[in-house]
Amino acid sequence: MEEYTNTEMIVREDILAKAKELAELISTSNEVQFFQKAEKQIANNDAIQTLISSIKKKQKEIVAFQSFENLKMVEKIEKEVDDLQDELDAIPIVSEFKQSQEDINYVLQLVMSVIRDTISEKITVEEGTVASGSSCSE
């Protein structure tokens, strides 16, 4: 088992604490709040749930017909799935839900980019050297 010094443990705890703080900030963002609201509306909408169930059922049928190598039926059912998906996507709350997923993903990617870029300014990873010119013995 690896052993860490007290200083290393404190630094790791600080990093984890900041990560949790950042996660809390993101989870209370407008994007996440809208996502959660839309998710509840979708879950409680019988028409949407029926469409989702139909799509899942058709997808299982596709797998079954693929196993029998019945490509004609696979193509027919894929068209039916596409039509059901178009119908589902035409419902405003569904398209707004998908947009909110993309928005949250964008925020998460942006956060990761900022972290990566900030670290990259301090450390030259490819060369394994510290960009500020300090040595590991400091």
Protein backbone atom coordinates (compact mmCIF):
# COMPACT_ATOMS: atom_id res chain seq x y z
CA MET A 1 0.00 0.00 0.00
CA GLU A 2 1.27 3.46 -0.89
CA GLU A 3 2.14 5.81 1.94
CA TYR A 4 1.68 9.57 1.85
CA THR A 5 3.11 12.32 4.01
CA ASN A 6 0.80 14.57 6.03
CA THR A 7 1.49 17.39 3.58
CA GLU A 8 0.47 15.22 0.62
CA MET A 9 -2.73 14.16 2.40
CA ILE A 10 -3.65 17.76 3.23
CA VAL A 11 -3.10 18.81 -0.37
CA ARG A 12 -5.20 15.90 -1.64
CA GLU A 13 -7.97 16.72 0.85
CA ASP A 14 -7.88 20.37 -0.28
CA ILE A 15 -8.18 19.32 -3.92
CA LEU A 16 -11.06 16.98 -3.15
CA ALA A 17 -12.80 19.64 -1.07
CA LYS A 18 -12.51 22.16 -3.92
CA ALA A 19 -13.75 19.55 -6.40
CA LYS A 20 -16.80 18.91 -4.21
CA GLU A 21 -17.37 22.66 -3.90
CA LEU A 22 -17.19 23.02 -7.68
CA ALA A 23 -19.56 20.06 -8.15
CA GLU A 24 -22.03 21.72 -5.78
CA LEU A 25 -21.83 24.98 -7.73
CA ILE A 26 -22.43 23.16 -11.00
CA SER A 27 -25.31 21.14 -9.55
CA THR A 28 -27.08 24.36 -8.54
CA SER A 29 -26.54 26.05 -11.92
CA ASN A 30 -29.44 27.10 -14.11
CA GLU A 31 -28.53 24.42 -16.63
CA VAL A 32 -28.77 21.62 -14.09
CA GLN A 33 -31.93 23.01 -12.52
CA PHE A 34 -33.61 23.19 -15.93
CA PHE A 35 -32.43 19.66 -16.74
CA GLN A 36 -33.94 18.31 -13.51
CA LYS A 37 -37.23 20.13 -14.11
CA ALA A 38 -37.47 18.85 -17.69
CA GLU A 39 -36.55 15.33 -16.57
CA LYS A 40 -39.45 15.32 -14.08
CA GLN A 41 -41.88 16.62 -16.70
CA ILE A 42 -40.80 13.90 -19.13
CA ALA A 43 -41.07 11.19 -16.47
CA ASN A 44 -44.60 12.31 -15.60
CA ASN A 45 -45.84 12.63 -19.18
CA ASP A 46 -47.70 9.49 -20.25
CA ALA A 47 -47.51 10.28 -23.98
CA ILE A 48 -43.75 10.71 -23.83
CA GLN A 49 -43.30 7.56 -21.75
CA THR A 50 -45.42 5.59 -24.22
CA LEU A 51 -43.24 6.79 -27.10
CA ILE A 52 -40.05 5.90 -25.21
CA SER A 53 -41.43 2.43 -24.41
CA SER A 54 -42.38 1.92 -28.05
CA ILE A 55 -38.90 2.90 -29.19
CA LYS A 56 -37.29 0.50 -26.71
CA LYS A 57 -39.61 -2.31 -27.80
CA LYS A 58 -38.81 -1.67 -31.48
CA GLN A 59 -35.07 -1.65 -30.70
CA LYS A 60 -35.42 -5.08 -29.10
CA GLU A 61 -37.27 -6.27 -32.20
CA ILE A 62 -34.40 -5.02 -34.35
CA VAL A 63 -31.92 -7.06 -32.31
CA ALA A 64 -34.13 -10.14 -32.63
CA PHE A 65 -34.51 -9.80 -36.39
CA GLN A 66 -30.77 -9.14 -36.75
CA SER A 67 -30.09 -12.44 -35.03
CA PHE A 68 -32.32 -14.13 -37.63
CA GLU A 69 -30.52 -12.13 -40.34
CA ASN A 70 -33.84 -10.76 -41.57
CA LEU A 71 -32.53 -7.48 -42.97
CA LYS A 72 -35.84 -6.53 -44.59
CA MET A 73 -37.61 -6.51 -41.22
CA VAL A 74 -34.64 -4.77 -39.59
CA GLU A 75 -34.88 -1.94 -42.13
CA LYS A 76 -38.67 -1.71 -41.70
CA ILE A 77 -38.44 -1.51 -37.92
CA GLU A 78 -35.52 0.96 -38.05
CA LYS A 79 -37.75 3.24 -40.14
CA GLU A 80 -40.50 2.87 -37.51
CA VAL A 81 -37.99 3.75 -34.77
CA ASP A 82 -36.86 6.80 -36.74
CA ASP A 83 -40.48 7.93 -37.10
CA LEU A 84 -41.14 7.43 -33.39
CA GLN A 85 -37.92 9.28 -32.54
CA ASP A 86 -38.94 12.18 -34.80
CA GLU A 87 -42.32 12.29 -33.05
CA LEU A 88 -40.59 12.29 -29.67
CA ASP A 89 -38.10 14.98 -30.71
CA ALA A 90 -40.97 17.19 -31.93
CA ILE A 91 -42.25 17.53 -28.36
CA PRO A 92 -40.88 20.85 -27.02
CA ILE A 93 -39.93 19.60 -23.52
CA VAL A 94 -37.96 16.72 -25.06
CA SER A 95 -35.94 19.00 -27.32
CA GLU A 96 -35.40 21.40 -24.41
CA PHE A 97 -34.27 18.45 -22.25
CA LYS A 98 -31.77 17.38 -24.91
CA GLN A 99 -30.52 20.96 -25.18
CA SER A 100 -30.07 21.13 -21.41
CA GLN A 101 -28.00 17.91 -21.57
CA GLU A 102 -25.78 19.54 -24.20
CA ASP A 103 -25.51 22.71 -22.07
CA ILE A 104 -24.43 20.74 -18.99
CA ASN A 105 -21.93 18.78 -21.07
CA TYR A 106 -20.53 22.05 -22.43
CA VAL A 107 -20.13 23.47 -18.90
CA LEU A 108 -18.33 20.30 -17.75
CA GLN A 109 -16.04 20.34 -20.79
CA LEU A 110 -15.33 24.03 -20.20
CA VAL A 111 -14.40 23.36 -16.56
CA MET A 112 -12.10 20.50 -17.60
CA SER A 113 -10.48 22.71 -20.25
CA VAL A 114 -9.83 25.48 -17.73
CA ILE A 115 -8.28 22.99 -15.29
CA ARG A 116 -6.17 21.38 -18.04
CA ASP A 117 -5.02 24.74 -19.44
CA THR A 118 -4.21 26.14 -16.00
CA ILE A 119 -2.16 23.08 -15.11
CA SER A 120 -0.47 23.11 -18.52
CA GLU A 121 0.69 26.68 -17.86
CA LYS A 122 2.49 25.47 -14.74
CA ILE A 123 3.81 22.11 -15.93
CA THR A 124 5.20 21.01 -19.26
CA VAL A 125 3.83 17.49 -19.19
CA GLU A 126 5.44 16.29 -22.43
CA GLU A 127 8.94 17.13 -21.25
CA GLY A 128 8.31 16.27 -17.63
CA THR A 129 9.65 19.63 -16.46
CA VAL A 130 8.15 22.42 -14.38
CA ALA A 131 7.47 25.46 -16.55
CA SER A 132 8.44 28.00 -13.87
CA GLY A 133 11.96 26.61 -13.74
CA SER A 134 11.70 25.26 -10.21
CA SER A 135 13.03 21.84 -9.40
CA CYS A 136 11.35 18.92 -7.67
CA SER A 137 13.62 19.39 -4.63
CA GLU A 138 11.98 22.68 -3.66
